[in-house]
Amino acid sequence: MAYADTRFATRRRALSAKLSGMRIDEMLVTNLLHVRFLSGFSGSNAALVLAKDLTASICTDGRYITQIAEEVPDIPAIIDRPSAEALLRRIEGPRRVGFEADYVSVAELENLQEACNEDVTLVPVTGVIEDIRLIKDTTERIRLVETAEIAVEAFEGLLANGEVAIGRSEREIAADLEHRMRILGAERPSFDTIVASGENSAKPHHSAGDRILRRGDLVTIDFGAHARGFNSDMTRTLVMGEADEFSREIYDIVLRAQLAGVDAATPGTSLIDVDAACRDVIDEAGYGEYFVHSTGHGIGLEVHERPYASKVGEGELKEHMTLTIEPGIYVPGRGGVRIEDTLLITQGPARIITPLSKELHVV
């Protein structure tokens, strides 16, 4: 017998409370990440309707009859498709039904409107579930730590086994790292692994190509694991054979900036100030023009989610949020350095859940 996980009911209660204050009678949820967040269902096709009185219905298709019974024992399931339209056809008005405007195309909205009874009004809603997702509950925090541990162990194994080596290609190293993460329990990488060597390390989002690692190269490796619905994200930069003066200089600056950002990431600190803590170190060292992205982002069901630490970041940090701290310097034609950790925000110093050494590692 399957038993309901109370955390999903807790999240639905939080959403229901928000709906009551918005004059929304029911909420149609079509973003699959949010369906999973509110119900536990992990299939590739589903929609959910939640009323402000906490009654709910979920719909999927015939491929998932067994799975939805196992994963969502506490919500009546409808087997039909298209799922969202099937749920709307069952709503009798007069009702104001919210829909996730950020995830519905114009064509999809037309289909939803056609499925509604004439006294049902669709109301665009944005950011409501994302607001709930900002603060990670106990289970989410445990899952995030477990997922980060997979990536950390995989990277440690990669280095210990000598798989980052002169003469190997970026692509080979990325494949080895992703293989290790899967063996350790990841369902997949959380994003395409970045292995950026030599001049490619000056490209913040270089992927992993055929370039062969050479002596003196800076090598930036940005990677993460995806497991049980959650993601991890971290970056380390290595140097092959020997580090020249330029490599040591920019590595030291980025490390100081990253440590300043970690220290700044406490409850009540504005996200703009967290970004500034990193950016000021790099600016003062004369490399400000080469720090070309924001300082960090939240991580959870998505690799990049709120909050965002940047020059225009909105709001402030709160306990149990997540945040990456990932300053970088990227000098075209010469190379670059990025150092990234994922943090859990606590009442004291932030907890680093990607606890790999950040000293310059010469391979």
Protein backbone atom coordinates (compact mmCIF):
# COMPACT_ATOMS: atom_id res chain seq x y z
CA MET A 1 0.00 0.00 0.00
CA ALA A 2 1.29 3.47 -0.88
CA TYR A 3 1.30 6.16 1.78
CA ALA A 4 1.01 9.89 1.18
CA ASP A 5 4.05 12.04 1.88
CA THR A 6 2.86 14.86 4.14
CA ARG A 7 5.29 17.40 2.68
CA PHE A 8 3.23 17.55 -0.52
CA ALA A 9 0.06 18.29 1.42
CA THR A 10 1.96 20.99 3.33
CA ARG A 11 2.98 22.63 0.07
CA ARG A 12 -0.58 22.48 -1.25
CA ARG A 13 -1.82 24.17 1.91
CA ALA A 14 0.70 26.97 1.36
CA LEU A 15 -0.51 27.42 -2.20
CA SER A 16 -4.16 27.32 -1.15
CA ALA A 17 -3.55 30.10 1.37
CA LYS A 18 -2.04 32.27 -1.36
CA LEU A 19 -4.97 31.60 -3.70
CA SER A 20 -7.47 32.76 -1.09
CA GLY A 21 -5.77 36.14 -0.96
CA MET A 22 -5.89 36.47 -4.76
CA ARG A 23 -9.59 35.75 -5.28
CA ILE A 24 -8.65 32.55 -7.13
CA ASP A 25 -11.01 29.62 -6.60
CA GLU A 26 -8.80 26.95 -8.15
CA MET A 27 -5.30 26.75 -9.59
CA LEU A 28 -4.42 24.79 -12.71
CA VAL A 29 -0.81 23.60 -12.52
CA THR A 30 0.77 22.50 -15.80
CA ASN A 31 4.50 22.95 -15.18
CA LEU A 32 5.67 19.38 -14.57
CA LEU A 33 8.22 20.50 -11.98
CA HIS A 34 5.40 22.12 -10.04
CA VAL A 35 3.13 19.11 -10.44
CA ARG A 36 5.90 17.06 -8.86
CA PHE A 37 6.52 19.69 -6.18
CA LEU A 38 2.86 19.64 -5.13
CA SER A 39 2.04 15.95 -5.57
CA GLY A 40 5.16 13.81 -5.93
CA PHE A 41 4.28 12.64 -9.43
CA SER A 42 7.36 12.33 -11.65
CA GLY A 43 5.87 11.29 -15.01
CA SER A 44 6.32 13.20 -18.26
CA ASN A 45 2.64 14.15 -18.72
CA ALA A 46 0.35 15.53 -16.04
CA ALA A 47 -1.65 18.48 -14.78
CA LEU A 48 -3.09 19.22 -11.38
CA VAL A 49 -5.96 21.35 -10.12
CA LEU A 50 -5.96 22.61 -6.54
CA ALA A 51 -8.91 24.47 -5.02
CA LYS A 52 -8.62 26.97 -2.21
CA ASP A 53 -10.49 24.50 0.03
CA LEU A 54 -7.60 22.03 -0.59
CA THR A 55 -9.54 19.62 -2.77
CA ALA A 56 -7.38 18.50 -5.67
CA SER A 57 -7.43 16.40 -8.83
CA ILE A 58 -4.56 15.17 -10.94
CA CYS A 59 -4.62 13.89 -14.50
CA THR A 60 -2.21 11.87 -16.59
CA ASP A 61 -2.43 9.35 -19.43
CA GLY A 62 -2.61 5.57 -19.56
CA ARG A 63 1.15 5.06 -19.49
CA TYR A 64 1.22 6.11 -15.85
CA ILE A 65 -1.75 4.29 -14.27
CA THR A 66 0.48 2.28 -11.94
CA GLN A 67 3.01 5.04 -11.32
CA ILE A 68 0.49 7.69 -10.33
CA ALA A 69 -1.22 5.29 -7.92
CA GLU A 70 2.13 4.65 -6.25
CA GLU A 71 3.41 8.21 -6.20
CA VAL A 72 0.18 10.12 -5.49
CA PRO A 73 -2.07 8.03 -3.26
CA ASP A 74 -3.82 11.03 -1.69
CA ILE A 75 -5.21 12.80 -4.80
CA PRO A 76 -7.93 11.37 -7.08
CA ALA A 77 -6.39 10.57 -10.46
CA ILE A 78 -8.06 11.00 -13.83
CA ILE A 79 -6.68 9.07 -16.80
CA ASP A 80 -7.26 11.21 -19.87
CA ARG A 81 -5.47 13.54 -22.25
CA PRO A 82 -4.77 16.31 -22.90
CA SER A 83 -4.46 16.44 -19.12
CA ALA A 84 -5.01 20.14 -18.47
CA GLU A 85 -8.06 20.34 -20.72
CA ALA A 86 -9.50 17.19 -19.15
CA LEU A 87 -9.32 18.77 -15.72
CA LEU A 88 -10.83 22.07 -16.86
CA ARG A 89 -13.80 20.34 -18.48
CA ARG A 90 -14.72 18.97 -15.05
CA ILE A 91 -14.84 22.38 -13.35
CA GLU A 92 -18.29 23.87 -12.98
CA GLY A 93 -18.64 27.59 -12.43
CA PRO A 94 -18.84 30.28 -11.65
CA ARG A 95 -15.13 29.83 -10.85
CA ARG A 96 -11.96 31.86 -11.28
CA VAL A 97 -9.23 29.43 -12.24
CA GLY A 98 -5.61 30.53 -12.14
CA PHE A 99 -3.12 29.20 -14.66
CA GLU A 100 0.68 29.38 -14.74
CA ALA A 101 1.11 32.22 -17.20
CA ASP A 102 4.91 31.87 -17.32
CA TYR A 103 4.63 28.35 -18.74
CA VAL A 104 1.62 28.52 -21.07
CA SER A 105 2.00 29.53 -24.71
CA VAL A 106 -0.61 31.53 -26.63
CA ALA A 107 -1.69 28.41 -28.50
CA GLU A 108 -1.96 26.41 -25.28
CA LEU A 109 -4.03 29.16 -23.67
CA GLU A 110 -6.48 29.04 -26.55
CA ASN A 111 -6.88 25.29 -26.00
CA LEU A 112 -7.43 25.81 -22.28
CA GLN A 113 -10.06 28.46 -22.90
CA GLU A 114 -11.93 26.20 -25.32
CA ALA A 115 -12.02 23.46 -22.67
CA CYS A 116 -13.59 25.71 -20.03
CA ASN A 117 -17.29 25.88 -19.31
CA GLU A 118 -18.70 29.31 -20.11
CA ASP A 119 -18.85 30.43 -16.47
CA VAL A 120 -15.22 29.52 -15.77
CA THR A 121 -12.73 32.39 -16.06
CA LEU A 122 -9.04 31.74 -16.56
CA VAL A 123 -6.80 34.14 -14.63
CA PRO A 124 -3.04 34.47 -15.33
CA VAL A 125 -0.92 33.86 -12.23
CA THR A 126 2.85 34.27 -11.99
CA GLY A 127 5.44 33.47 -9.33
CA VAL A 128 3.15 32.02 -6.68
CA ILE A 129 4.56 28.48 -6.58
CA GLU A 130 8.07 29.81 -7.13
CA ASP A 131 7.63 31.90 -3.94
CA ILE A 132 6.89 28.72 -1.99
CA ARG A 133 9.87 26.95 -3.55
CA LEU A 134 12.29 29.63 -2.34
CA ILE A 135 12.47 28.19 1.18
CA LYS A 136 13.62 24.57 1.15
CA ASP A 137 11.92 22.21 3.57
CA THR A 138 13.80 19.56 5.53
CA THR A 139 13.43 16.86 2.88
CA GLU A 140 14.56 19.20 0.13
CA ARG A 141 17.64 20.19 2.07
CA ILE A 142 18.52 16.54 2.66
CA ARG A 143 18.06 15.71 -1.03
CA LEU A 144 20.18 18.68 -2.10
CA VAL A 145 23.02 17.61 0.19
CA GLU A 146 22.80 14.02 -1.07
CA THR A 147 22.86 15.15 -4.70
CA ALA A 148 25.82 17.45 -4.11
CA GLU A 149 27.67 14.59 -2.41
CA ILE A 150 27.34 12.51 -5.58
CA ALA A 151 29.01 15.22 -7.65
CA VAL A 152 31.74 15.86 -5.08
CA GLU A 153 32.62 12.17 -4.82
CA ALA A 154 32.64 11.81 -8.60
CA PHE A 155 35.03 14.75 -9.01
CA GLU A 156 37.33 13.49 -6.27
CA GLY A 157 37.44 10.12 -8.04
CA LEU A 158 38.16 11.80 -11.37
CA LEU A 159 41.22 13.53 -9.91
CA ALA A 160 42.40 10.55 -7.87
CA ASN A 161 42.29 8.29 -10.92
CA GLY A 162 44.29 10.70 -13.06
CA GLU A 163 41.49 11.23 -15.58
CA VAL A 164 42.23 14.95 -15.86
CA ALA A 165 45.54 14.74 -17.68
CA ILE A 166 47.65 16.39 -20.35
CA GLY A 167 46.90 14.73 -23.67
CA ARG A 168 43.25 14.00 -22.94
CA SER A 169 40.37 15.92 -24.55
CA GLU A 170 37.79 18.07 -22.83
CA ARG A 171 35.11 15.72 -24.13
CA GLU A 172 36.77 12.64 -22.63
CA ILE A 173 37.04 14.25 -19.21
CA ALA A 174 33.40 15.38 -19.27
CA ALA A 175 32.29 11.87 -20.24
CA ASP A 176 34.33 10.30 -17.43
CA LEU A 177 32.89 12.70 -14.86
CA GLU A 178 29.30 12.16 -16.01
CA HIS A 179 29.84 8.38 -15.96
CA ARG A 180 31.13 8.55 -12.39
CA MET A 181 28.11 10.60 -11.29
CA ARG A 182 25.73 8.05 -12.80
CA ILE A 183 27.54 5.13 -11.16
CA LEU A 184 27.24 6.92 -7.82
CA GLY A 185 23.47 7.37 -8.16
CA ALA A 186 22.75 10.31 -10.45
CA GLU A 187 19.96 9.86 -12.97
CA ARG A 188 21.77 12.26 -15.29
CA PRO A 189 23.97 15.35 -15.15
CA SER A 190 22.04 18.38 -14.00
CA PHE A 191 23.33 20.21 -17.12
CA ASP A 192 25.86 19.62 -19.88
CA THR A 193 29.22 19.34 -18.16
CA ILE A 194 31.63 22.19 -18.92
CA VAL A 195 35.30 21.35 -19.39
CA ALA A 196 36.99 24.49 -20.69
CA SER A 197 40.75 24.34 -21.20
CA GLY A 198 43.37 26.87 -22.23
CA GLU A 199 41.85 29.72 -24.24
CA ASN A 200 38.44 28.03 -23.90
CA SER A 201 38.52 28.73 -20.15
CA ALA A 202 37.90 32.38 -21.05
CA LYS A 203 34.41 31.36 -22.29
CA PRO A 204 32.08 31.14 -19.28
CA HIS A 205 29.74 28.65 -20.98
CA HIS A 206 32.06 26.70 -23.23
CA SER A 207 30.82 23.11 -23.27
CA ALA A 208 33.35 20.29 -23.74
CA GLY A 209 34.95 19.92 -27.13
CA ASP A 210 37.82 18.15 -28.82
CA ARG A 211 40.60 20.41 -27.57
CA ILE A 212 43.46 18.45 -26.00
CA LEU A 213 44.71 19.58 -22.59
CA ARG A 214 48.24 21.00 -22.66
CA ARG A 215 50.87 21.90 -20.13
CA GLY A 216 50.14 25.30 -18.56
CA ASP A 217 46.41 25.22 -19.36
CA LEU A 218 43.83 26.54 -16.97
CA VAL A 219 40.96 24.03 -16.97
CA THR A 220 37.55 25.05 -15.64
CA ILE A 221 35.18 22.17 -14.84
CA ASP A 222 31.56 23.13 -14.09
CA PHE A 223 29.32 20.17 -13.32
CA GLY A 224 26.41 18.83 -11.34
CA ALA A 225 24.31 15.75 -10.67
CA HIS A 226 20.56 15.29 -10.95
CA ALA A 227 19.05 12.76 -8.55
CA ARG A 228 15.50 12.21 -7.25
CA GLY A 229 14.32 15.45 -8.79
CA PHE A 230 17.07 17.69 -7.39
CA ASN A 231 20.20 19.23 -8.86
CA SER A 232 23.70 20.19 -7.80
CA ASP A 233 26.11 22.73 -9.24
CA MET A 234 29.78 23.46 -8.58
CA THR A 235 32.91 24.60 -10.40
CA ARG A 236 36.61 24.15 -9.86
CA THR A 237 39.51 25.43 -11.96
CA LEU A 238 42.72 23.43 -12.24
CA VAL A 239 46.05 24.08 -13.92
CA MET A 240 47.95 21.53 -15.94
CA GLY A 241 51.61 20.89 -15.16
CA GLU A 242 52.57 24.34 -13.93
CA ALA A 243 50.88 27.65 -13.21
CA ASP A 244 52.33 30.83 -14.65
CA GLU A 245 52.14 34.23 -12.98
CA PHE A 246 48.93 35.20 -14.80
CA SER A 247 47.14 31.99 -13.80
CA ARG A 248 48.14 32.32 -10.16
CA GLU A 249 47.16 36.00 -10.11
CA ILE A 250 43.64 35.60 -11.43
CA TYR A 251 43.07 32.41 -9.43
CA ASP A 252 43.98 34.22 -6.22
CA ILE A 253 41.65 37.12 -7.04
CA VAL A 254 38.71 34.86 -7.86
CA LEU A 255 39.28 32.79 -4.73
CA ARG A 256 39.28 35.91 -2.55
CA ALA A 257 36.12 37.11 -4.29
CA GLN A 258 34.41 33.75 -3.82
CA LEU A 259 35.28 33.60 -0.12
CA ALA A 260 33.96 37.16 0.31
CA GLY A 261 30.69 36.13 -1.33
CA VAL A 262 30.35 33.09 0.91
CA ASP A 263 30.95 35.23 4.00
CA ALA A 264 28.31 37.73 2.84
CA ALA A 265 25.61 35.10 2.28
CA THR A 266 23.70 35.39 5.54
CA PRO A 267 20.00 35.90 6.33
CA GLY A 268 18.91 39.50 5.84
CA THR A 269 21.67 40.36 3.35
CA SER A 270 20.38 41.78 0.10
CA LEU A 271 21.19 39.83 -3.03
CA ILE A 272 22.73 42.97 -4.54
CA ASP A 273 25.13 43.15 -1.60
CA VAL A 274 26.13 39.49 -1.98
CA ASP A 275 26.96 40.19 -5.62
CA ALA A 276 28.87 43.31 -4.65
CA ALA A 277 30.96 41.40 -2.11
CA CYS A 278 32.41 39.35 -4.96
CA ARG A 279 32.44 42.05 -7.59
CA ASP A 280 34.25 44.60 -5.41
CA VAL A 281 37.23 42.27 -4.92
CA ILE A 282 37.58 41.72 -8.66
CA ASP A 283 37.01 45.41 -9.46
CA GLU A 284 39.68 46.50 -6.98
CA ALA A 285 42.16 44.07 -8.54
CA GLY A 286 41.63 45.69 -11.94
CA TYR A 287 39.73 42.84 -13.59
CA GLY A 288 36.18 44.12 -13.22
CA GLU A 289 35.52 44.14 -16.98
CA TYR A 290 36.31 40.43 -17.11
CA PHE A 291 33.66 39.38 -14.55
CA VAL A 292 30.84 39.12 -17.07
CA HIS A 293 28.01 37.31 -15.30
CA SER A 294 26.10 37.43 -12.03
CA THR A 295 27.42 36.02 -8.77
CA GLY A 296 24.94 33.23 -8.18
CA HIS A 297 21.52 31.64 -8.24
CA GLY A 298 19.31 29.32 -6.27
CA ILE A 299 19.22 25.61 -6.98
CA GLY A 300 16.64 22.92 -6.33
CA LEU A 301 14.17 21.39 -8.74
CA GLU A 302 15.89 23.54 -11.36
CA VAL A 303 19.58 24.23 -11.81
CA HIS A 304 18.91 27.97 -12.05
CA GLU A 305 16.07 29.28 -9.93
CA ARG A 306 15.36 32.11 -7.54
CA PRO A 307 17.01 33.80 -5.71
CA TYR A 308 19.51 35.52 -8.01
CA ALA A 309 22.57 37.39 -6.68
CA SER A 310 23.39 40.04 -9.26
CA LYS A 311 23.71 43.78 -9.75
CA VAL A 312 19.92 43.91 -10.07
CA GLY A 313 19.05 41.05 -7.68
CA GLU A 314 15.73 41.47 -5.92
CA GLY A 315 15.11 40.81 -2.24
CA GLU A 316 17.29 39.42 0.50
CA LEU A 317 18.47 36.04 1.69
CA LYS A 318 16.42 34.05 4.19
CA GLU A 319 17.17 30.94 6.18
CA HIS A 320 16.85 27.70 4.16
CA MET A 321 17.29 29.35 0.78
CA THR A 322 19.99 28.02 -1.54
CA LEU A 323 22.53 30.11 -3.42
CA THR A 324 25.58 29.47 -5.55
CA ILE A 325 28.58 31.76 -5.24
CA GLU A 326 30.51 31.65 -8.53
CA PRO A 327 32.61 34.69 -9.42
CA GLY A 328 34.95 34.46 -12.38
CA ILE A 329 37.55 36.26 -14.46
CA TYR A 330 37.66 35.57 -18.21
CA VAL A 331 40.40 37.19 -20.27
CA PRO A 332 39.90 36.51 -24.00
CA GLY A 333 42.85 34.79 -25.65
CA ARG A 334 44.53 34.03 -22.34
CA GLY A 335 42.20 32.04 -20.08
CA GLY A 336 39.84 32.23 -17.18
CA VAL A 337 39.01 31.04 -13.70
CA ARG A 338 35.68 30.32 -12.00
CA ILE A 339 35.20 28.88 -8.51
CA GLU A 340 31.69 27.90 -7.46
CA ASP A 341 30.06 26.41 -4.38
CA THR A 342 26.43 25.80 -3.52
CA LEU A 343 25.29 27.15 -0.15
CA LEU A 344 22.43 26.44 2.19
CA ILE A 345 21.61 29.66 4.02
CA THR A 346 21.53 29.19 7.80
CA GLN A 347 21.23 31.47 10.80
CA GLY A 348 25.00 31.36 11.17
CA PRO A 349 27.58 31.11 8.41
CA ALA A 350 26.20 29.54 5.26
CA ARG A 351 26.66 25.80 4.91
CA ILE A 352 28.76 24.84 1.88
CA ILE A 353 27.34 21.58 0.49
CA THR A 354 30.06 21.25 -2.17
CA PRO A 355 33.05 21.06 0.20
CA LEU A 356 35.92 20.42 -2.21
CA SER A 357 39.25 22.13 -1.64
CA LYS A 358 39.55 25.51 -3.34
CA GLU A 359 43.34 25.72 -3.25
CA LEU A 360 44.88 25.92 -6.71
CA HIS A 361 45.25 22.30 -7.83
CA VAL A 362 48.15 21.65 -10.17
CA VAL A 363 47.65 18.40 -12.06
